PDB file of N, CA and C in Angstrom:
ATOM      1  N   MET A   1     -17.963  12.996 -15.864  1.00  0.00           N
ATOM      2  CA  MET A   1     -16.958  12.515 -14.940  1.00  0.00           C
ATOM      3  C   MET A   1     -17.104  11.005 -14.770  1.00  0.00           C
ATOM      4  N   ASP A   2     -17.009  10.272 -15.869  1.00  0.00           N
ATOM      5  CA  ASP A   2     -17.188   8.822 -15.833  1.00  0.00           C
ATOM      6  C   ASP A   2     -16.184   8.126 -14.924  1.00  0.00           C
ATOM      7  N   GLY A   3     -14.938   8.584 -14.918  1.00  0.00           N
ATOM      8  CA  GLY A   3     -13.915   7.951 -14.086  1.00  0.00           C
ATOM      9  C   GLY A   3     -14.240   8.045 -12.610  1.00  0.00           C
ATOM     10  N   ALA A   4     -14.688   9.215 -12.166  1.00  0.00           N
ATOM     11  CA  ALA A   4     -15.053   9.375 -10.752  1.00  0.00           C
ATOM     12  C   ALA A   4     -16.288   8.548 -10.430  1.00  0.00           C
ATOM     13  N   ASP A   5     -17.248   8.491 -11.362  1.00  0.00           N
ATOM     14  CA  ASP A   5     -18.438   7.662 -11.142  1.00  0.00           C
ATOM     15  C   ASP A   5     -18.056   6.199 -11.016  1.00  0.00           C
ATOM     16  N   ASP A   6     -17.166   5.735 -11.907  1.00  0.00           N
ATOM     17  CA  ASP A   6     -16.691   4.350 -11.827  1.00  0.00           C
ATOM     18  C   ASP A   6     -15.940   4.110 -10.522  1.00  0.00           C
ATOM     19  N   PHE A   7     -15.114   5.075 -10.121  1.00  0.00           N
ATOM     20  CA  PHE A   7     -14.362   4.962  -8.876  1.00  0.00           C
ATOM     21  C   PHE A   7     -15.323   4.844  -7.694  1.00  0.00           C
ATOM     22  N   ASN A   8     -16.416   5.600  -7.732  1.00  0.00           N
ATOM     23  CA  ASN A   8     -17.389   5.554  -6.638  1.00  0.00           C
ATOM     24  C   ASN A   8     -18.094   4.203  -6.559  1.00  0.00           C
ATOM     25  N   ARG A   9     -18.307   3.562  -7.698  1.00  0.00           N
ATOM     26  CA  ARG A   9     -18.946   2.237  -7.692  1.00  0.00           C
ATOM     27  C   ARG A   9     -17.964   1.149  -7.280  1.00  0.00           C
ATOM     28  N   ASP A  10     -16.749   1.223  -7.825  1.00  0.00           N
ATOM     29  CA  ASP A  10     -15.706   0.227  -7.547  1.00  0.00           C
ATOM     30  C   ASP A  10     -14.366   0.905  -7.795  1.00  0.00           C
ATOM     31  N   PRO A  11     -13.651   1.301  -6.735  1.00  0.00           N
ATOM     32  CA  PRO A  11     -12.408   2.055  -6.911  1.00  0.00           C
ATOM     33  C   PRO A  11     -11.402   1.409  -7.860  1.00  0.00           C
ATOM     34  N   THR A  12     -11.238   0.112  -7.791  1.00  0.00           N
ATOM     35  CA  THR A  12     -10.274  -0.559  -8.672  1.00  0.00           C
ATOM     36  C   THR A  12     -10.690  -0.429 -10.124  1.00  0.00           C
ATOM     37  N   LYS A  13     -11.960  -0.672 -10.422  1.00  0.00           N
ATOM     38  CA  LYS A  13     -12.443  -0.544 -11.796  1.00  0.00           C
ATOM     39  C   LYS A  13     -12.397   0.900 -12.266  1.00  0.00           C
ATOM     40  N   GLY A  14     -12.637   1.834 -11.363  1.00  0.00           N
ATOM     41  CA  GLY A  14     -12.548   3.243 -11.728  1.00  0.00           C
ATOM     42  C   GLY A  14     -11.140   3.630 -12.150  1.00  0.00           C
ATOM     43  N   LEU A  15     -10.148   3.158 -11.410  1.00  0.00           N
ATOM     44  CA  LEU A  15      -8.756   3.440 -11.784  1.00  0.00           C
ATOM     45  C   LEU A  15      -8.404   2.774 -13.108  1.00  0.00           C
ATOM     46  N   GLU A  16      -8.895   1.551 -13.317  1.00  0.00           N
ATOM     47  CA  GLU A  16      -8.648   0.856 -14.591  1.00  0.00           C
ATOM     48  C   GLU A  16      -9.279   1.622 -15.747  1.00  0.00           C
ATOM     49  N   PHE A  17     -10.484   2.144 -15.550  1.00  0.00           N
ATOM     50  CA  PHE A  17     -11.151   2.949 -16.574  1.00  0.00           C
ATOM     51  C   PHE A  17     -10.297   4.167 -16.928  1.00  0.00           C
ATOM     52  N   LEU A  18      -9.785   4.857 -15.908  1.00  0.00           N
ATOM     53  CA  LEU A  18      -8.955   6.038 -16.153  1.00  0.00           C
ATOM     54  C   LEU A  18      -7.653   5.668 -16.860  1.00  0.00           C
ATOM     55  N   GLN A  19      -7.115   4.501 -16.563  1.00  0.00           N
ATOM     56  CA  GLN A  19      -5.908   4.048 -17.262  1.00  0.00           C
ATOM     57  C   GLN A  19      -6.213   3.766 -18.730  1.00  0.00           C
ATOM     58  N   ARG A  20      -7.351   3.112 -18.999  1.00  0.00           N
ATOM     59  CA  ARG A  20      -7.717   2.827 -20.397  1.00  0.00           C
ATOM     60  C   ARG A  20      -7.911   4.108 -21.195  1.00  0.00           C
ATOM     61  N   ARG A  21      -8.385   5.163 -20.554  1.00  0.00           N
ATOM     62  CA  ARG A  21      -8.604   6.468 -21.200  1.00  0.00           C
ATOM     63  C   ARG A  21      -7.336   7.323 -21.205  1.00  0.00           C
ATOM     64  N   HIS A  22      -6.250   6.770 -20.710  1.00  0.00           N
ATOM     65  CA  HIS A  22      -4.945   7.444 -20.631  1.00  0.00           C
ATOM     66  C   HIS A  22      -5.006   8.708 -19.777  1.00  0.00           C
ATOM     67  N   LEU A  23      -5.891   8.700 -18.773  1.00  0.00           N
ATOM     68  CA  LEU A  23      -5.957   9.788 -17.808  1.00  0.00           C
ATOM     69  C   LEU A  23      -5.082   9.489 -16.588  1.00  0.00           C
ATOM     70  N   LEU A  24      -4.734   8.226 -16.437  1.00  0.00           N
ATOM     71  CA  LEU A  24      -3.751   7.780 -15.453  1.00  0.00           C
ATOM     72  C   LEU A  24      -2.743   6.904 -16.180  1.00  0.00           C
ATOM     73  N   PRO A  25      -1.490   6.859 -15.701  1.00  0.00           N
ATOM     74  CA  PRO A  25      -0.486   6.038 -16.389  1.00  0.00           C
ATOM     75  C   PRO A  25      -0.826   4.548 -16.312  1.00  0.00           C
ATOM     76  N   GLU A  26      -0.301   3.797 -17.283  1.00  0.00           N
ATOM     77  CA  GLU A  26      -0.525   2.350 -17.314  1.00  0.00           C
ATOM     78  C   GLU A  26      -0.054   1.691 -16.023  1.00  0.00           C
ATOM     79  N   LYS A  27       1.106   2.114 -15.554  1.00  0.00           N
ATOM     80  CA  LYS A  27       1.611   1.623 -14.264  1.00  0.00           C
ATOM     81  C   LYS A  27       1.316   2.716 -13.235  1.00  0.00           C
ATOM     82  N   LEU A  28       0.363   2.417 -12.355  1.00  0.00           N
ATOM     83  CA  LEU A  28      -0.049   3.419 -11.374  1.00  0.00           C
ATOM     84  C   LEU A  28       1.082   3.770 -10.426  1.00  0.00           C
ATOM     85  N   ASP A  29       1.141   5.042 -10.084  1.00  0.00           N
ATOM     86  CA  ASP A  29       2.072   5.494  -9.073  1.00  0.00           C
ATOM     87  C   ASP A  29       1.294   6.349  -8.075  1.00  0.00           C
ATOM     88  N   PRO A  30       1.786   6.447  -6.860  1.00  0.00           N
ATOM     89  CA  PRO A  30       1.050   7.184  -5.825  1.00  0.00           C
ATOM     90  C   PRO A  30       0.739   8.630  -6.201  1.00  0.00           C
ATOM     91  N   GLN A  31       1.658   9.307  -6.874  1.00  0.00           N
ATOM     92  CA  GLN A  31       1.459  10.709  -7.257  1.00  0.00           C
ATOM     93  C   GLN A  31       0.274  10.862  -8.209  1.00  0.00           C
ATOM     94  N   SER A  32       0.150   9.964  -9.183  1.00  0.00           N
ATOM     95  CA  SER A  32      -0.952  10.043 -10.145  1.00  0.00           C
ATOM     96  C   SER A  32      -2.296   9.812  -9.476  1.00  0.00           C
ATOM     97  N   VAL A  33      -2.352   8.814  -8.608  1.00  0.00           N
ATOM     98  CA  VAL A  33      -3.608   8.532  -7.909  1.00  0.00           C
ATOM     99  C   VAL A  33      -3.957   9.701  -6.989  1.00  0.00           C
ATOM    100  N   ALA A  34      -2.963  10.248  -6.310  1.00  0.00           N
ATOM    101  CA  ALA A  34      -3.216  11.396  -5.433  1.00  0.00           C
ATOM    102  C   ALA A  34      -3.750  12.584  -6.228  1.00  0.00           C
ATOM    103  N   CYS A  35      -3.171  12.861  -7.384  1.00  0.00           N
ATOM    104  CA  CYS A  35      -3.662  13.964  -8.221  1.00  0.00           C
ATOM    105  C   CYS A  35      -5.099  13.730  -8.644  1.00  0.00           C
ATOM    106  N   PHE A  36      -5.423  12.511  -9.029  1.00  0.00           N
ATOM    107  CA  PHE A  36      -6.810  12.201  -9.386  1.00  0.00           C
ATOM    108  C   PHE A  36      -7.735  12.502  -8.214  1.00  0.00           C
ATOM    109  N   LEU A  37      -7.365  12.038  -7.027  1.00  0.00           N
ATOM    110  CA  LEU A  37      -8.228  12.232  -5.863  1.00  0.00           C
ATOM    111  C   LEU A  37      -8.339  13.705  -5.469  1.00  0.00           C
ATOM    112  N   ILE A  38      -7.282  14.470  -5.681  1.00  0.00           N
ATOM    113  CA  ILE A  38      -7.312  15.888  -5.340  1.00  0.00           C
ATOM    114  C   ILE A  38      -8.168  16.681  -6.332  1.00  0.00           C
ATOM    115  N   TYR A  39      -7.969  16.430  -7.634  1.00  0.00           N
ATOM    116  CA  TYR A  39      -8.603  17.271  -8.649  1.00  0.00           C
ATOM    117  C   TYR A  39      -9.957  16.758  -9.130  1.00  0.00           C
ATOM    118  N   ALA A  40     -10.260  15.502  -8.919  1.00  0.00           N
ATOM    119  CA  ALA A  40     -11.574  14.965  -9.300  1.00  0.00           C
ATOM    120  C   ALA A  40     -12.424  14.904  -8.034  1.00  0.00           C
ATOM    121  N   ALA A  41     -12.996  16.008  -7.681  1.00  0.00           N
ATOM    122  CA  ALA A  41     -13.705  16.121  -6.407  1.00  0.00           C
ATOM    123  C   ALA A  41     -15.028  15.363  -6.388  1.00  0.00           C
ATOM    124  N   ALA A  42     -15.340  14.621  -7.429  1.00  0.00           N
ATOM    125  CA  ALA A  42     -16.632  13.926  -7.499  1.00  0.00           C
ATOM    126  C   ALA A  42     -16.624  12.573  -6.800  1.00  0.00           C
ATOM    127  N   TRP A  43     -15.496  12.127  -6.278  1.00  0.00           N
ATOM    128  CA  TRP A  43     -15.474  10.833  -5.585  1.00  0.00           C
ATOM    129  C   TRP A  43     -16.165  10.973  -4.240  1.00  0.00           C
ATOM    130  N   THR A  44     -16.671   9.857  -3.764  1.00  0.00           N
ATOM    131  CA  THR A  44     -17.365   9.866  -2.470  1.00  0.00           C
ATOM    132  C   THR A  44     -16.438   9.387  -1.365  1.00  0.00           C
ATOM    133  N   ARG A  45     -16.786   9.758  -0.176  1.00  0.00           N
ATOM    134  CA  ARG A  45     -15.987   9.340   0.982  1.00  0.00           C
ATOM    135  C   ARG A  45     -15.998   7.823   1.116  1.00  0.00           C
ATOM    136  N   LYS A  46     -17.142   7.203   0.842  1.00  0.00           N
ATOM    137  CA  LYS A  46     -17.261   5.746   0.948  1.00  0.00           C
ATOM    138  C   LYS A  46     -16.316   5.041  -0.039  1.00  0.00           C
ATOM    139  N   SER A  47     -16.234   5.562  -1.274  1.00  0.00           N
ATOM    140  CA  SER A  47     -15.344   4.933  -2.259  1.00  0.00           C
ATOM    141  C   SER A  47     -13.893   5.047  -1.835  1.00  0.00           C
ATOM    142  N   LEU A  48     -13.538   6.174  -1.225  1.00  0.00           N
ATOM    143  CA  LEU A  48     -12.167   6.338  -0.747  1.00  0.00           C
ATOM    144  C   LEU A  48     -11.892   5.385   0.410  1.00  0.00           C
ATOM    145  N   GLU A  49     -12.855   5.174   1.289  1.00  0.00           N
ATOM    146  CA  GLU A  49     -12.697   4.204   2.380  1.00  0.00           C
ATOM    147  C   GLU A  49     -12.479   2.802   1.828  1.00  0.00           C
ATOM    148  N   ILE A  50     -13.255   2.438   0.799  1.00  0.00           N
ATOM    149  CA  ILE A  50     -13.103   1.112   0.180  1.00  0.00           C
ATOM    150  C   ILE A  50     -11.713   0.982  -0.443  1.00  0.00           C
ATOM    151  N   PHE A  51     -11.252   2.037  -1.112  1.00  0.00           N
ATOM    152  CA  PHE A  51      -9.935   2.041  -1.742  1.00  0.00           C
ATOM    153  C   PHE A  51      -8.846   1.829  -0.692  1.00  0.00           C
ATOM    154  N   TRP A  52      -8.882   2.583   0.422  1.00  0.00           N
ATOM    155  CA  TRP A  52      -7.890   2.432   1.481  1.00  0.00           C
ATOM    156  C   TRP A  52      -7.958   1.046   2.105  1.00  0.00           C
ATOM    157  N   GLU A  53      -9.176   0.554   2.310  1.00  0.00           N
ATOM    158  CA  GLU A  53      -9.345  -0.775   2.900  1.00  0.00           C
ATOM    159  C   GLU A  53      -8.720  -1.846   2.012  1.00  0.00           C
ATOM    160  N   THR A  54      -8.889  -1.703   0.707  1.00  0.00           N
ATOM    161  CA  THR A  54      -8.306  -2.657  -0.241  1.00  0.00           C
ATOM    162  C   THR A  54      -6.784  -2.650  -0.145  1.00  0.00           C
ATOM    163  N   ILE A  55      -6.204  -1.464  -0.101  1.00  0.00           N
ATOM    164  CA  ILE A  55      -4.744  -1.346   0.002  1.00  0.00           C
ATOM    165  C   ILE A  55      -4.251  -1.938   1.319  1.00  0.00           C
ATOM    166  N   MET A  56      -4.922  -1.594   2.408  1.00  0.00           N
ATOM    167  CA  MET A  56      -4.492  -2.076   3.717  1.00  0.00           C
ATOM    168  C   MET A  56      -4.648  -3.593   3.835  1.00  0.00           C
ATOM    169  N   ASN A  57      -5.726  -4.143   3.290  1.00  0.00           N
ATOM    170  CA  ASN A  57      -5.900  -5.600   3.320  1.00  0.00           C
ATOM    171  C   ASN A  57      -4.785  -6.290   2.556  1.00  0.00           C
ATOM    172  N   PHE A  58      -4.415  -5.742   1.401  1.00  0.00           N
ATOM    173  CA  PHE A  58      -3.325  -6.322   0.622  1.00  0.00           C
ATOM    174  C   PHE A  58      -2.016  -6.265   1.412  1.00  0.00           C
ATOM    175  N   MET A  59      -1.719  -5.104   2.009  1.00  0.00           N
ATOM    176  CA  MET A  59      -0.470  -4.955   2.751  1.00  0.00           C
ATOM    177  C   MET A  59      -0.426  -5.903   3.949  1.00  0.00           C
ATOM    178  N   PHE A  60      -1.553  -6.054   4.633  1.00  0.00           N
ATOM    179  CA  PHE A  60      -1.598  -6.971   5.764  1.00  0.00           C
ATOM    180  C   PHE A  60      -1.329  -8.402   5.308  1.00  0.00           C
ATOM    181  N   ARG A  61      -1.984  -8.832   4.231  1.00  0.00           N
ATOM    182  CA  ARG A  61      -1.765 -10.192   3.716  1.00  0.00           C
ATOM    183  C   ARG A  61      -0.319 -10.367   3.259  1.00  0.00           C
ATOM    184  N   PHE A  62       0.259  -9.333   2.648  1.00  0.00           N
ATOM    185  CA  PHE A  62       1.656  -9.381   2.226  1.00  0.00           C
ATOM    186  C   PHE A  62       2.574  -9.607   3.429  1.00  0.00           C
ATOM    187  N   PHE A  63       2.408  -8.819   4.487  1.00  0.00           N
ATOM    188  CA  PHE A  63       3.279  -8.951   5.658  1.00  0.00           C
ATOM    189  C   PHE A  63       3.098 -10.289   6.347  1.00  0.00           C
ATOM    190  N   VAL A  64       1.877 -10.773   6.446  1.00  0.00           N
ATOM    191  CA  VAL A  64       1.655 -12.084   7.062  1.00  0.00           C
ATOM    192  C   VAL A  64       2.350 -13.158   6.231  1.00  0.00           C
ATOM    193  N   GLY A  65       2.178 -13.105   4.919  1.00  0.00           N
ATOM    194  CA  GLY A  65       2.845 -14.080   4.050  1.00  0.00           C
ATOM    195  C   GLY A  65       4.351 -13.970   4.114  1.00  0.00           C
ATOM    196  N   PHE A  66       4.852 -12.756   4.125  1.00  0.00           N
ATOM    197  CA  PHE A  66       6.286 -12.511   4.197  1.00  0.00           C
ATOM    198  C   PHE A  66       6.857 -13.059   5.497  1.00  0.00           C
ATOM    199  N   LEU A  67       6.190 -12.767   6.602  1.00  0.00           N
ATOM    200  CA  LEU A  67       6.702 -13.192   7.904  1.00  0.00           C
ATOM    201  C   LEU A  67       6.615 -14.699   8.100  1.00  0.00           C
ATOM    202  N   THR A  68       5.517 -15.302   7.688  1.00  0.00           N
ATOM    203  CA  THR A  68       5.368 -16.739   7.927  1.00  0.00           C
ATOM    204  C   THR A  68       6.263 -17.556   7.008  1.00  0.00           C
ATOM    205  N   SER A  69       6.580 -17.049   5.833  1.00  0.00           N
ATOM    206  CA  SER A  69       7.417 -17.844   4.935  1.00  0.00           C
ATOM    207  C   SER A  69       8.908 -17.653   5.206  1.00  0.00           C
ATOM    208  N   ASN A  70       9.316 -16.513   5.715  1.00  0.00           N
ATOM    209  CA  ASN A  70      10.735 -16.223   5.880  1.00  0.00           C
ATOM    210  C   ASN A  70      11.273 -16.419   7.288  1.00  0.00           C
ATOM    211  N   PHE A  71      10.438 -16.354   8.307  1.00  0.00           N
ATOM    212  CA  PHE A  71      10.927 -16.310   9.669  1.00  0.00           C
ATOM    213  C   PHE A  71      10.332 -17.397  10.561  1.00  0.00           C
ATOM    214  N   GLN A  72       9.678 -18.356   9.966  1.00  0.00           N
ATOM    215  CA  GLN A  72       8.919 -19.351  10.714  1.00  0.00           C
ATOM    216  C   GLN A  72       9.776 -20.157  11.696  1.00  0.00           C
ATOM    217  N   ASP A  73      10.944 -20.559  11.305  1.00  0.00           N
ATOM    218  CA  ASP A  73      11.762 -21.431  12.140  1.00  0.00           C
ATOM    219  C   ASP A  73      12.918 -20.699  12.819  1.00  0.00           C
ATOM    220  N   MET A  74      12.820 -19.382  12.951  1.00  0.00           N
ATOM    221  CA  MET A  74      13.902 -18.601  13.535  1.00  0.00           C
ATOM    222  C   MET A  74      13.548 -18.141  14.942  1.00  0.00           C
ATOM    223  N   ASN A  75      14.585 -17.918  15.757  1.00  0.00           N
ATOM    224  CA  ASN A  75      14.391 -17.284  17.060  1.00  0.00           C
ATOM    225  C   ASN A  75      14.021 -15.816  16.848  1.00  0.00           C
ATOM    226  N   LEU A  76      13.416 -15.208  17.847  1.00  0.00           N
ATOM    227  CA  LEU A  76      12.878 -13.853  17.709  1.00  0.00           C
ATOM    228  C   LEU A  76      13.928 -12.814  17.348  1.00  0.00           C
ATOM    229  N   ASP A  77      15.063 -12.773  18.068  1.00  0.00           N
ATOM    230  CA  ASP A  77      16.062 -11.725  17.830  1.00  0.00           C
ATOM    231  C   ASP A  77      16.605 -11.733  16.402  1.00  0.00           C
ATOM    232  N   PRO A  78      17.122 -12.874  15.900  1.00  0.00           N
ATOM    233  CA  PRO A  78      17.638 -12.848  14.524  1.00  0.00           C
ATOM    234  C   PRO A  78      16.527 -12.618  13.492  1.00  0.00           C
ATOM    235  N   ALA A  79      15.327 -13.131  13.780  1.00  0.00           N
ATOM    236  CA  ALA A  79      14.223 -12.930  12.840  1.00  0.00           C
ATOM    237  C   ALA A  79      13.851 -11.455  12.758  1.00  0.00           C
ATOM    238  N   PHE A  80      13.822 -10.780  13.890  1.00  0.00           N
ATOM    239  CA  PHE A  80      13.479  -9.363  13.922  1.00  0.00           C
ATOM    240  C   PHE A  80      14.534  -8.532  13.208  1.00  0.00           C
ATOM    241  N   GLN A  81      15.792  -8.833  13.436  1.00  0.00           N
ATOM    242  CA  GLN A  81      16.863  -8.100  12.760  1.00  0.00           C
ATOM    243  C   GLN A  81      16.823  -8.337  11.250  1.00  0.00           C
ATOM    244  N   LEU A  82      16.596  -9.582  10.829  1.00  0.00           N
ATOM    245  CA  LEU A  82      16.501  -9.875   9.397  1.00  0.00           C
ATOM    246  C   LEU A  82      15.310  -9.160   8.778  1.00  0.00           C
ATOM    247  N   PHE A  83      14.188  -9.136   9.498  1.00  0.00           N
ATOM    248  CA  PHE A  83      13.010  -8.423   9.021  1.00  0.00           C
ATOM    249  C   PHE A  83      13.328  -6.948   8.798  1.00  0.00           C
ATOM    250  N   LEU A  84      13.972  -6.303   9.777  1.00  0.00           N
ATOM    251  CA  LEU A  84      14.290  -4.883   9.651  1.00  0.00           C
ATOM    252  C   LEU A  84      15.290  -4.624   8.527  1.00  0.00           C
ATOM    253  N   GLU A  85      16.245  -5.525   8.344  1.00  0.00           N
ATOM    254  CA  GLU A  85      17.202  -5.379   7.246  1.00  0.00           C
ATOM    255  C   GLU A  85      16.510  -5.511   5.897  1.00  0.00           C
ATOM    256  N   THR A  86      15.561  -6.436   5.812  1.00  0.00           N
ATOM    257  CA  THR A  86      14.873  -6.709   4.556  1.00  0.00           C
ATOM    258  C   THR A  86      13.880  -5.621   4.204  1.00  0.00           C
ATOM    259  N   VAL A  87      13.063  -5.228   5.176  1.00  0.00           N
ATOM    260  CA  VAL A  87      11.987  -4.270   4.920  1.00  0.00           C
ATOM    261  C   VAL A  87      12.505  -2.840   4.964  1.00  0.00           C
ATOM    262  N   GLY A  88      13.465  -2.557   5.807  1.00  0.00           N
ATOM    263  CA  GLY A  88      14.054  -1.223   5.869  1.00  0.00           C
ATOM    264  C   GLY A  88      13.111  -0.173   6.416  1.00  0.00           C
ATOM    265  N   LEU A  89      12.546  -0.415   7.596  1.00  0.00           N
ATOM    266  CA  LEU A  89      11.675   0.572   8.219  1.00  0.00           C
ATOM    267  C   LEU A  89      12.483   1.802   8.607  1.00  0.00           C
ATOM    268  N   PRO A  90      11.898   2.979   8.498  1.00  0.00           N
ATOM    269  CA  PRO A  90      12.610   4.209   8.862  1.00  0.00           C
ATOM    270  C   PRO A  90      12.679   4.400  10.371  1.00  0.00           C
ATOM    271  N   GLY A  91      13.513   5.319  10.790  1.00  0.00           N
ATOM    272  CA  GLY A  91      13.537   5.731  12.190  1.00  0.00           C
ATOM    273  C   GLY A  91      14.298   4.803  13.106  1.00  0.00           C
ATOM    274  N   GLU A  92      13.605   4.269  14.096  1.00  0.00           N
ATOM    275  CA  GLU A  92      14.224   3.514  15.170  1.00  0.00           C
ATOM    276  C   GLU A  92      14.812   2.181  14.714  1.00  0.00           C
ATOM    277  N   SER A  93      14.448   1.694  13.538  1.00  0.00           N
ATOM    278  CA  SER A  93      14.952   0.379  13.113  1.00  0.00           C
ATOM    279  C   SER A  93      16.471   0.375  12.991  1.00  0.00           C
ATOM    280  N   GLN A  94      17.075   1.504  12.600  1.00  0.00           N
ATOM    281  CA  GLN A  94      18.528   1.544  12.498  1.00  0.00           C
ATOM    282  C   GLN A  94      19.169   1.360  13.868  1.00  0.00           C
ATOM    283  N   LYS A  95      18.561   1.944  14.903  1.00  0.00           N
ATOM    284  CA  LYS A  95      19.094   1.782  16.256  1.00  0.00           C
ATOM    285  C   LYS A  95      18.967   0.351  16.726  1.00  0.00           C
ATOM    286  N   ILE A  96      17.879  -0.303  16.366  1.00  0.00           N
ATOM    287  CA  ILE A  96      17.688  -1.700  16.752  1.00  0.00           C
ATOM    288  C   ILE A  96      18.742  -2.571  16.077  1.00  0.00           C
ATOM    289  N   LEU A  97      18.978  -2.313  14.777  1.00  0.00           N
ATOM    290  CA  LEU A  97      19.974  -3.103  14.046  1.00  0.00           C
ATOM    291  C   LEU A  97      21.366  -2.933  14.643  1.00  0.00           C
ATOM    292  N   LEU A  98      21.649  -1.738  15.123  1.00  0.00           N
ATOM    293  CA  LEU A  98      22.955  -1.493  15.717  1.00  0.00           C
ATOM    294  C   LEU A  98      23.031  -1.919  17.183  1.00  0.00           C
ATOM    295  N   GLY A  99      21.931  -2.436  17.721  1.00  0.00           N
ATOM    296  CA  GLY A  99      21.913  -2.912  19.090  1.00  0.00           C
ATOM    297  C   GLY A  99      21.806  -1.804  20.114  1.00  0.00           C
ATOM    298  N   GLU A 100      21.405  -0.602  19.686  1.00  0.00           N
ATOM    299  CA  GLU A 100      21.324   0.526  20.615  1.00  0.00           C
ATOM    300  C   GLU A 100      20.094   0.459  21.498  1.00  0.00           C
ATOM    301  N   ILE A 101      19.045  -0.235  21.076  1.00  0.00           N
ATOM    302  CA  ILE A 101      17.822  -0.273  21.863  1.00  0.00           C
ATOM    303  C   ILE A 101      17.713  -1.571  22.625  1.00  0.00           C
ATOM    304  N   LEU A 102      18.016  -2.699  21.978  1.00  0.00           N
ATOM    305  CA  LEU A 102      17.854  -4.008  22.624  1.00  0.00           C
ATOM    306  C   LEU A 102      19.062  -4.388  23.449  1.00  0.00           C
TER     307      LEU A 102
END
């Protein structure tokens, strides 16, 4: 189980190893990674925590960069509406865009 061992040492390198062996697609998709995690029970909890932390850190940096570059000189109301239109959050965002909540 070299792929799971690699994943346990470094999740990113483990996924790259599995891609090189054609056990995961060249372009990763959530379904493929989920199947690996479900069926390759040899991964450790710590490696999965590192993997999630890496994803969350990237997403946080993305949103900070997105918000500071696109909405820096705008008032709150139009900036918030533009953000919701651009990102397309589910649920209550449609009501906010239609002015039903604010």
